Structures are given as structure tokens and as C-alpha cells.
Full PDB file with SEQRES, HELIX, SHEET, SSBOND, CRYST1, ORIGX, SCALE, CONECT and MASTER records, all heavy atoms in Angstrom:
SEQRES   1 A   31  ARG VAL ASP LEU THR PRO PHE GLY ILE THR ASN LYS SER          
SEQRES   2 A   31  TYR ASN LYS ILE TYR ASP GLU ILE GLU GLN GLU LEU ASN          
SEQRES   3 A   31  VAL ASN SER VAL PRO                                          
HELIX    1 AA1 THR A    5  PHE A    7  5                                   3    
HELIX    2 AA2 LYS A   16  GLU A   24  1                                   9    
CRYST1    1.000    1.000    1.000  90.00  90.00  90.00 P 1           1          
ORIGX1      1.000000  0.000000  0.000000        0.00000                         
ORIGX2      0.000000  1.000000  0.000000        0.00000                         
ORIGX3      0.000000  0.000000  1.000000        0.00000                         
SCALE1      1.000000  0.000000  0.000000        0.00000                         
SCALE2      0.000000  1.000000  0.000000        0.00000                         
SCALE3      0.000000  0.000000  1.000000        0.00000                         
ATOM      1  N   ARG A   1      -8.132  -6.107   6.209  1.00  0.00           N  
ATOM      2  CA  ARG A   1      -7.366  -6.060   4.981  1.00  0.00           C  
ATOM      3  C   ARG A   1      -5.889  -6.366   5.267  1.00  0.00           C  
ATOM      4  O   ARG A   1      -5.337  -5.841   6.223  1.00  0.00           O  
ATOM      5  CB  ARG A   1      -7.485  -4.686   4.314  1.00  0.00           C  
ATOM      6  CG  ARG A   1      -8.881  -4.325   3.880  1.00  0.00           C  
ATOM      7  CD  ARG A   1      -8.906  -3.019   3.131  1.00  0.00           C  
ATOM      8  NE  ARG A   1     -10.255  -2.688   2.639  1.00  0.00           N  
ATOM      9  CZ  ARG A   1     -10.519  -1.838   1.658  1.00  0.00           C  
ATOM     10  NH1 ARG A   1      -9.518  -1.207   1.058  1.00  0.00           N  
ATOM     11  NH2 ARG A   1     -11.768  -1.600   1.288  1.00  0.00           N  
ATOM     12  N   VAL A   2      -5.318  -7.203   4.433  1.00  0.00           N  
ATOM     13  CA  VAL A   2      -3.902  -7.557   4.608  1.00  0.00           C  
ATOM     14  C   VAL A   2      -3.112  -7.198   3.354  1.00  0.00           C  
ATOM     15  O   VAL A   2      -3.676  -7.176   2.251  1.00  0.00           O  
ATOM     16  CB  VAL A   2      -3.741  -9.061   4.919  1.00  0.00           C  
ATOM     17  CG1 VAL A   2      -4.365  -9.383   6.274  1.00  0.00           C  
ATOM     18  CG2 VAL A   2      -4.366  -9.943   3.851  1.00  0.00           C  
ATOM     19  N   ASP A   3      -1.859  -6.928   3.557  1.00  0.00           N  
ATOM     20  CA  ASP A   3      -1.000  -6.522   2.425  1.00  0.00           C  
ATOM     21  C   ASP A   3      -0.403  -7.779   1.780  1.00  0.00           C  
ATOM     22  O   ASP A   3       0.311  -8.556   2.416  1.00  0.00           O  
ATOM     23  CB  ASP A   3       0.158  -5.642   2.953  1.00  0.00           C  
ATOM     24  CG  ASP A   3       0.854  -4.937   1.799  1.00  0.00           C  
ATOM     25  OD1 ASP A   3       1.326  -5.641   0.887  1.00  0.00           O  
ATOM     26  OD2 ASP A   3       0.975  -3.706   1.837  1.00  0.00           O  
ATOM     27  N   LEU A   4      -0.710  -7.959   0.492  1.00  0.00           N  
ATOM     28  CA  LEU A   4      -0.191  -9.088  -0.281  1.00  0.00           C  
ATOM     29  C   LEU A   4       0.518  -8.551  -1.506  1.00  0.00           C  
ATOM     30  O   LEU A   4       0.199  -8.872  -2.663  1.00  0.00           O  
ATOM     31  CB  LEU A   4      -1.354 -10.010  -0.693  1.00  0.00           C  
ATOM     32  CG  LEU A   4      -2.109 -10.675   0.468  1.00  0.00           C  
ATOM     33  CD1 LEU A   4      -3.325 -11.441  -0.050  1.00  0.00           C  
ATOM     34  CD2 LEU A   4      -1.208 -11.606   1.262  1.00  0.00           C  
ATOM     35  N   THR A   5       1.515  -7.710  -1.240  1.00  0.00           N  
ATOM     36  CA  THR A   5       2.271  -7.047  -2.321  1.00  0.00           C  
ATOM     37  C   THR A   5       2.838  -8.013  -3.368  1.00  0.00           C  
ATOM     38  O   THR A   5       2.826  -7.716  -4.552  1.00  0.00           O  
ATOM     39  CB  THR A   5       3.370  -6.176  -1.716  1.00  0.00           C  
ATOM     40  OG1 THR A   5       2.794  -5.207  -0.855  1.00  0.00           O  
ATOM     41  CG2 THR A   5       4.139  -5.456  -2.813  1.00  0.00           C  
ATOM     42  N   PRO A   6       3.334  -9.221  -2.966  1.00  0.00           N  
ATOM     43  CA  PRO A   6       3.861 -10.142  -3.969  1.00  0.00           C  
ATOM     44  C   PRO A   6       2.843 -10.523  -5.056  1.00  0.00           C  
ATOM     45  O   PRO A   6       3.239 -10.942  -6.140  1.00  0.00           O  
ATOM     46  CB  PRO A   6       4.270 -11.371  -3.147  1.00  0.00           C  
ATOM     47  CG  PRO A   6       4.554 -10.832  -1.787  1.00  0.00           C  
ATOM     48  CD  PRO A   6       3.550  -9.768  -1.590  1.00  0.00           C  
ATOM     49  N   PHE A   7       1.544 -10.366  -4.736  1.00  0.00           N  
ATOM     50  CA  PHE A   7       0.510 -10.707  -5.707  1.00  0.00           C  
ATOM     51  C   PHE A   7      -0.177  -9.430  -6.244  1.00  0.00           C  
ATOM     52  O   PHE A   7      -1.207  -9.521  -6.889  1.00  0.00           O  
ATOM     53  CB  PHE A   7      -0.538 -11.603  -5.046  1.00  0.00           C  
ATOM     54  CG  PHE A   7       0.019 -12.869  -4.485  1.00  0.00           C  
ATOM     55  CD1 PHE A   7       0.148 -13.051  -3.125  1.00  0.00           C  
ATOM     56  CD2 PHE A   7       0.445 -13.909  -5.334  1.00  0.00           C  
ATOM     57  CE1 PHE A   7       0.680 -14.198  -2.599  1.00  0.00           C  
ATOM     58  CE2 PHE A   7       0.980 -15.059  -4.815  1.00  0.00           C  
ATOM     59  CZ  PHE A   7       1.097 -15.228  -3.444  1.00  0.00           C  
ATOM     60  N   GLY A   8       0.406  -8.285  -5.965  1.00  0.00           N  
ATOM     61  CA  GLY A   8      -0.159  -7.035  -6.478  1.00  0.00           C  
ATOM     62  C   GLY A   8      -1.401  -6.595  -5.731  1.00  0.00           C  
ATOM     63  O   GLY A   8      -2.205  -5.812  -6.281  1.00  0.00           O  
ATOM     64  N   ILE A   9      -1.565  -7.040  -4.500  1.00  0.00           N  
ATOM     65  CA  ILE A   9      -2.732  -6.676  -3.697  1.00  0.00           C  
ATOM     66  C   ILE A   9      -2.254  -5.999  -2.425  1.00  0.00           C  
ATOM     67  O   ILE A   9      -1.469  -6.561  -1.661  1.00  0.00           O  
ATOM     68  CB  ILE A   9      -3.569  -7.914  -3.313  1.00  0.00           C  
ATOM     69  CG1 ILE A   9      -4.052  -8.647  -4.564  1.00  0.00           C  
ATOM     70  CG2 ILE A   9      -4.766  -7.557  -2.434  1.00  0.00           C  
ATOM     71  CD1 ILE A   9      -4.635 -10.018  -4.301  1.00  0.00           C  
ATOM     72  N   THR A  10      -2.698  -4.771  -2.198  1.00  0.00           N  
ATOM     73  CA  THR A  10      -2.277  -4.039  -0.995  1.00  0.00           C  
ATOM     74  C   THR A  10      -3.496  -3.827  -0.074  1.00  0.00           C  
ATOM     75  O   THR A  10      -4.637  -4.063  -0.469  1.00  0.00           O  
ATOM     76  CB  THR A  10      -1.671  -2.665  -1.342  1.00  0.00           C  
ATOM     77  OG1 THR A  10      -2.718  -1.794  -1.816  1.00  0.00           O  
ATOM     78  CG2 THR A  10      -0.593  -2.803  -2.403  1.00  0.00           C  
ATOM     79  N   ASN A  11      -3.214  -3.384   1.143  1.00  0.00           N  
ATOM     80  CA  ASN A  11      -4.286  -3.172   2.106  1.00  0.00           C  
ATOM     81  C   ASN A  11      -4.741  -1.701   2.135  1.00  0.00           C  
ATOM     82  O   ASN A  11      -5.365  -1.268   3.122  1.00  0.00           O  
ATOM     83  CB  ASN A  11      -3.847  -3.601   3.489  1.00  0.00           C  
ATOM     84  CG  ASN A  11      -2.596  -2.883   3.993  1.00  0.00           C  
ATOM     85  OD1 ASN A  11      -2.001  -2.109   3.245  1.00  0.00           O  
ATOM     86  ND2 ASN A  11      -2.188  -3.136   5.207  1.00  0.00           N  
ATOM     87  N   LYS A  12      -4.405  -0.942   1.135  1.00  0.00           N  
ATOM     88  CA  LYS A  12      -4.793   0.460   1.107  1.00  0.00           C  
ATOM     89  C   LYS A  12      -6.307   0.610   0.995  1.00  0.00           C  
ATOM     90  O   LYS A  12      -6.997  -0.222   0.400  1.00  0.00           O  
ATOM     91  CB  LYS A  12      -4.120   1.200  -0.056  1.00  0.00           C  
ATOM     92  CG  LYS A  12      -2.587   1.094  -0.040  1.00  0.00           C  
ATOM     93  CD  LYS A  12      -2.019   1.710   1.219  1.00  0.00           C  
ATOM     94  CE  LYS A  12      -0.480   1.680   1.208  1.00  0.00           C  
ATOM     95  NZ  LYS A  12       0.110   2.185   2.459  1.00  0.00           N  
ATOM     96  N   SER A  13      -6.817   1.687   1.504  1.00  0.00           N  
ATOM     97  CA  SER A  13      -8.281   1.889   1.550  1.00  0.00           C  
ATOM     98  C   SER A  13      -8.888   2.043   0.157  1.00  0.00           C  
ATOM     99  O   SER A  13     -10.074   1.790  -0.021  1.00  0.00           O  
ATOM    100  CB  SER A  13      -8.602   3.176   2.358  1.00  0.00           C  
ATOM    101  OG  SER A  13      -7.969   4.303   1.781  1.00  0.00           O  
ATOM    102  N   TYR A  14      -8.075   2.387  -0.819  1.00  0.00           N  
ATOM    103  CA  TYR A  14      -8.638   2.571  -2.175  1.00  0.00           C  
ATOM    104  C   TYR A  14      -8.518   1.324  -3.028  1.00  0.00           C  
ATOM    105  O   TYR A  14      -8.780   1.329  -4.243  1.00  0.00           O  
ATOM    106  CB  TYR A  14      -7.931   3.735  -2.878  1.00  0.00           C  
ATOM    107  CG  TYR A  14      -6.412   3.653  -2.930  1.00  0.00           C  
ATOM    108  CD1 TYR A  14      -5.757   2.829  -3.818  1.00  0.00           C  
ATOM    109  CD2 TYR A  14      -5.651   4.371  -2.013  1.00  0.00           C  
ATOM    110  CE1 TYR A  14      -4.375   2.732  -3.814  1.00  0.00           C  
ATOM    111  CE2 TYR A  14      -4.277   4.288  -2.006  1.00  0.00           C  
ATOM    112  CZ  TYR A  14      -3.640   3.487  -2.920  1.00  0.00           C  
ATOM    113  OH  TYR A  14      -2.254   3.384  -2.929  1.00  0.00           O  
ATOM    114  N   ASN A  15      -8.082   0.188  -2.447  1.00  0.00           N  
ATOM    115  CA  ASN A  15      -7.932  -1.031  -3.189  1.00  0.00           C  
ATOM    116  C   ASN A  15      -9.285  -1.573  -3.655  1.00  0.00           C  
ATOM    117  O   ASN A  15     -10.136  -1.915  -2.831  1.00  0.00           O  
ATOM    118  CB  ASN A  15      -7.206  -2.075  -2.335  1.00  0.00           C  
ATOM    119  CG  ASN A  15      -6.813  -3.299  -3.165  1.00  0.00           C  
ATOM    120  OD1 ASN A  15      -7.657  -4.055  -3.615  1.00  0.00           O  
ATOM    121  ND2 ASN A  15      -5.510  -3.481  -3.337  1.00  0.00           N  
ATOM    122  N   LYS A  16      -9.487  -1.664  -4.952  1.00  0.00           N  
ATOM    123  CA  LYS A  16     -10.793  -2.034  -5.494  1.00  0.00           C  
ATOM    124  C   LYS A  16     -11.191  -3.449  -5.121  1.00  0.00           C  
ATOM    125  O   LYS A  16     -12.393  -3.719  -4.900  1.00  0.00           O  
ATOM    126  CB  LYS A  16     -10.800  -1.842  -7.009  1.00  0.00           C  
ATOM    127  CG  LYS A  16     -10.755  -0.399  -7.453  1.00  0.00           C  
ATOM    128  CD  LYS A  16     -10.839  -0.265  -8.963  1.00  0.00           C  
ATOM    129  CE  LYS A  16     -10.810   1.183  -9.398  1.00  0.00           C  
ATOM    130  NZ  LYS A  16     -10.880   1.314 -10.914  1.00  0.00           N  
ATOM    131  N   ILE A  17     -10.235  -4.367  -5.103  1.00  0.00           N  
ATOM    132  CA  ILE A  17     -10.588  -5.765  -4.837  1.00  0.00           C  
ATOM    133  C   ILE A  17     -11.131  -5.927  -3.410  1.00  0.00           C  
ATOM    134  O   ILE A  17     -12.078  -6.650  -3.161  1.00  0.00           O  
ATOM    135  CB  ILE A  17      -9.390  -6.698  -5.122  1.00  0.00           C  
ATOM    136  CG1 ILE A  17      -9.899  -8.149  -5.207  1.00  0.00           C  
ATOM    137  CG2 ILE A  17      -8.308  -6.558  -4.087  1.00  0.00           C  
ATOM    138  CD1 ILE A  17      -8.859  -9.096  -5.805  1.00  0.00           C  
ATOM    139  N   TYR A  18     -10.528  -5.213  -2.453  1.00  0.00           N  
ATOM    140  CA  TYR A  18     -11.022  -5.252  -1.084  1.00  0.00           C  
ATOM    141  C   TYR A  18     -12.364  -4.553  -0.958  1.00  0.00           C  
ATOM    142  O   TYR A  18     -13.238  -4.972  -0.189  1.00  0.00           O  
ATOM    143  CB  TYR A  18     -10.003  -4.716  -0.099  1.00  0.00           C  
ATOM    144  CG  TYR A  18      -8.901  -5.677   0.244  1.00  0.00           C  
ATOM    145  CD1 TYR A  18      -7.575  -5.291   0.272  1.00  0.00           C  
ATOM    146  CD2 TYR A  18      -9.185  -7.002   0.572  1.00  0.00           C  
ATOM    147  CE1 TYR A  18      -6.565  -6.196   0.597  1.00  0.00           C  
ATOM    148  CE2 TYR A  18      -8.190  -7.915   0.910  1.00  0.00           C  
ATOM    149  CZ  TYR A  18      -6.868  -7.498   0.908  1.00  0.00           C  
ATOM    150  OH  TYR A  18      -5.874  -8.397   1.249  1.00  0.00           O  
ATOM    151  N   ASP A  19     -12.537  -3.452  -1.675  1.00  0.00           N  
ATOM    152  CA  ASP A  19     -13.836  -2.756  -1.688  1.00  0.00           C  
ATOM    153  C   ASP A  19     -14.951  -3.715  -2.141  1.00  0.00           C  
ATOM    154  O   ASP A  19     -16.035  -3.779  -1.552  1.00  0.00           O  
ATOM    155  CB  ASP A  19     -13.801  -1.542  -2.614  1.00  0.00           C  
ATOM    156  CG  ASP A  19     -12.932  -0.411  -2.086  1.00  0.00           C  
ATOM    157  OD1 ASP A  19     -12.640  -0.424  -0.875  1.00  0.00           O  
ATOM    158  OD2 ASP A  19     -12.556   0.477  -2.885  1.00  0.00           O  
ATOM    159  N   GLU A  20     -14.656  -4.455  -3.206  1.00  0.00           N  
ATOM    160  CA  GLU A  20     -15.608  -5.421  -3.743  1.00  0.00           C  
ATOM    161  C   GLU A  20     -15.939  -6.516  -2.747  1.00  0.00           C  
ATOM    162  O   GLU A  20     -17.096  -6.891  -2.552  1.00  0.00           O  
ATOM    163  CB  GLU A  20     -15.020  -5.994  -5.041  1.00  0.00           C  
ATOM    164  CG  GLU A  20     -15.913  -7.057  -5.695  1.00  0.00           C  
ATOM    165  CD  GLU A  20     -15.247  -7.686  -6.905  1.00  0.00           C  
ATOM    166  OE1 GLU A  20     -14.666  -6.922  -7.714  1.00  0.00           O  
ATOM    167  OE2 GLU A  20     -15.278  -8.910  -7.019  1.00  0.00           O  
ATOM    168  N   ILE A  21     -14.906  -7.035  -2.108  1.00  0.00           N  
ATOM    169  CA  ILE A  21     -15.093  -8.119  -1.136  1.00  0.00           C  
ATOM    170  C   ILE A  21     -15.925  -7.651   0.060  1.00  0.00           C  
ATOM    171  O   ILE A  21     -16.875  -8.323   0.509  1.00  0.00           O  
ATOM    172  CB  ILE A  21     -13.743  -8.682  -0.646  1.00  0.00           C  
ATOM    173  CG1 ILE A  21     -13.028  -9.353  -1.818  1.00  0.00           C  
ATOM    174  CG2 ILE A  21     -13.941  -9.690   0.500  1.00  0.00           C  
ATOM    175  CD1 ILE A  21     -11.554  -9.686  -1.516  1.00  0.00           C  
ATOM    176  N   GLU A  22     -15.590  -6.479   0.584  1.00  0.00           N  
ATOM    177  CA  GLU A  22     -16.307  -5.979   1.744  1.00  0.00           C  
ATOM    178  C   GLU A  22     -17.765  -5.709   1.461  1.00  0.00           C  
ATOM    179  O   GLU A  22     -18.654  -5.970   2.300  1.00  0.00           O  
ATOM    180  CB  GLU A  22     -15.632  -4.695   2.239  1.00  0.00           C  
ATOM    181  CG  GLU A  22     -14.282  -4.950   2.892  1.00  0.00           C  
ATOM    182  CD  GLU A  22     -13.558  -3.672   3.294  1.00  0.00           C  
ATOM    183  OE1 GLU A  22     -14.020  -2.582   2.904  1.00  0.00           O  
ATOM    184  OE2 GLU A  22     -12.501  -3.776   3.927  1.00  0.00           O  
ATOM    185  N   GLN A  23     -18.061  -5.272   0.242  1.00  0.00           N  
ATOM    186  CA  GLN A  23     -19.461  -5.076  -0.131  1.00  0.00           C  
ATOM    187  C   GLN A  23     -20.185  -6.422  -0.276  1.00  0.00           C  
ATOM    188  O   GLN A  23     -21.313  -6.581   0.164  1.00  0.00           O  
ATOM    189  CB  GLN A  23     -19.553  -4.304  -1.465  1.00  0.00           C  
ATOM    190  CG  GLN A  23     -20.979  -3.964  -1.866  1.00  0.00           C  
ATOM    191  CD  GLN A  23     -20.996  -3.083  -3.123  1.00  0.00           C  
ATOM    192  OE1 GLN A  23     -19.978  -2.832  -3.737  1.00  0.00           O  
ATOM    193  NE2 GLN A  23     -22.178  -2.623  -3.463  1.00  0.00           N  
ATOM    194  N   GLU A  24     -19.498  -7.398  -0.880  1.00  0.00           N  
ATOM    195  CA  GLU A  24     -20.100  -8.700  -1.094  1.00  0.00           C  
ATOM    196  C   GLU A  24     -20.372  -9.423   0.205  1.00  0.00           C  
ATOM    197  O   GLU A  24     -21.398 -10.110   0.350  1.00  0.00           O  
ATOM    198  CB  GLU A  24     -19.156  -9.553  -1.977  1.00  0.00           C  
ATOM    199  CG  GLU A  24     -19.744 -10.842  -2.468  1.00  0.00           C  
ATOM    200  CD  GLU A  24     -18.834 -11.512  -3.486  1.00  0.00           C  
ATOM    201  OE1 GLU A  24     -17.676 -11.106  -3.634  1.00  0.00           O  
ATOM    202  OE2 GLU A  24     -19.270 -12.483  -4.098  1.00  0.00           O  
ATOM    203  N   LEU A  25     -19.485  -9.261   1.194  1.00  0.00           N  
ATOM    204  CA  LEU A  25     -19.626  -9.951   2.462  1.00  0.00           C  
ATOM    205  C   LEU A  25     -20.349  -9.111   3.520  1.00  0.00           C  
ATOM    206  O   LEU A  25     -20.549  -9.517   4.642  1.00  0.00           O  
ATOM    207  CB  LEU A  25     -18.268 -10.364   3.026  1.00  0.00           C  
ATOM    208  CG  LEU A  25     -17.708 -11.722   2.588  1.00  0.00           C  
ATOM    209  CD1 LEU A  25     -17.620 -11.854   1.072  1.00  0.00           C  
ATOM    210  CD2 LEU A  25     -16.327 -11.961   3.226  1.00  0.00           C  
ATOM    211  N   ASN A  26     -20.731  -7.895   3.109  1.00  0.00           N  
ATOM    212  CA  ASN A  26     -21.453  -6.971   4.024  1.00  0.00           C  
ATOM    213  C   ASN A  26     -20.661  -6.740   5.329  1.00  0.00           C  
ATOM    214  O   ASN A  26     -21.150  -6.946   6.422  1.00  0.00           O  
ATOM    215  CB  ASN A  26     -22.849  -7.526   4.359  1.00  0.00           C  
ATOM    216  CG  ASN A  26     -23.712  -6.503   5.067  1.00  0.00           C  
ATOM    217  OD1 ASN A  26     -23.559  -5.293   4.882  1.00  0.00           O  
ATOM    218  ND2 ASN A  26     -24.641  -6.978   5.888  1.00  0.00           N  
ATOM    219  N   VAL A  27     -19.406  -6.294   5.134  1.00  0.00           N  
ATOM    220  CA  VAL A  27     -18.537  -6.093   6.291  1.00  0.00           C  
ATOM    221  C   VAL A  27     -18.927  -4.819   7.063  1.00  0.00           C  
ATOM    222  O   VAL A  27     -19.158  -3.772   6.476  1.00  0.00           O  
ATOM    223  CB  VAL A  27     -17.065  -5.993   5.804  1.00  0.00           C  
ATOM    224  CG1 VAL A  27     -16.143  -5.561   6.948  1.00  0.00           C  
ATOM    225  CG2 VAL A  27     -16.606  -7.322   5.220  1.00  0.00           C  
ATOM    226  N   ASN A  28     -19.024  -4.981   8.384  1.00  0.00           N  
ATOM    227  CA  ASN A  28     -19.342  -3.886   9.272  1.00  0.00           C  
ATOM    228  C   ASN A  28     -18.553  -3.974  10.544  1.00  0.00           C  
ATOM    229  O   ASN A  28     -18.160  -5.075  10.969  1.00  0.00           O  
ATOM    230  CB  ASN A  28     -20.850  -3.875   9.630  1.00  0.00           C  
ATOM    231  CG  ASN A  28     -21.723  -3.540   8.440  1.00  0.00           C  
ATOM    232  OD1 ASN A  28     -21.811  -2.384   8.043  1.00  0.00           O  
ATOM    233  ND2 ASN A  28     -22.398  -4.553   7.914  1.00  0.00           N  
ATOM    234  N   SER A  29     -18.314  -2.837  11.209  1.00  0.00           N  
ATOM    235  CA  SER A  29     -17.684  -2.861  12.521  1.00  0.00           C  
ATOM    236  C   SER A  29     -18.664  -3.347  13.573  1.00  0.00           C  
ATOM    237  O   SER A  29     -19.869  -3.158  13.445  1.00  0.00           O  
ATOM    238  CB  SER A  29     -17.175  -1.473  12.885  1.00  0.00           C  
ATOM    239  OG  SER A  29     -16.158  -1.067  12.005  1.00  0.00           O  
ATOM    240  N   VAL A  30     -18.142  -3.979  14.610  1.00  0.00           N  
ATOM    241  CA  VAL A  30     -18.997  -4.509  15.665  1.00  0.00           C  
ATOM    242  C   VAL A  30     -19.723  -3.383  16.409  1.00  0.00           C  
ATOM    243  O   VAL A  30     -19.059  -2.480  16.933  1.00  0.00           O  
ATOM    244  CB  VAL A  30     -18.180  -5.348  16.654  1.00  0.00           C  
ATOM    245  CG1 VAL A  30     -19.086  -5.919  17.752  1.00  0.00           C  
ATOM    246  CG2 VAL A  30     -17.450  -6.470  15.951  1.00  0.00           C  
ATOM    247  N   PRO A  31     -21.055  -3.416  16.489  1.00  0.00           N  
ATOM    248  CA  PRO A  31     -21.792  -2.391  17.239  1.00  0.00           C  
ATOM    249  C   PRO A  31     -21.492  -2.497  18.732  1.00  0.00           C  
ATOM    250  O   PRO A  31     -21.189  -3.583  19.239  1.00  0.00           O  
ATOM    251  CB  PRO A  31     -23.250  -2.723  16.966  1.00  0.00           C  
ATOM    252  CG  PRO A  31     -23.245  -3.584  15.744  1.00  0.00           C  
ATOM    253  CD  PRO A  31     -21.960  -4.361  15.765  1.00  0.00           C  
TER     254      PRO A  31                                                      
MASTER        0    0    0    2    0    0    0    6  253    1    0    3          
END                                                                             
């Protein structure tokens, strides 16, 4: 997650847009 404050997008854990993207792309930490 990256901070894009000029566009109203932050890297905070509660950011809904990143939550949506991570679910869509099935993001996981490397085993």
C-alpha cells in the first residue's frame, strides 16, 4: 500500500479501496 494523499488515497489499514483491491487480487504474504 502506498500513500497517495493528493488523490485522497492513503495507505492506512482501514482504507476501503485498498481492502477491495487486496481481496480482488487475493493478496497474501509469502509463505
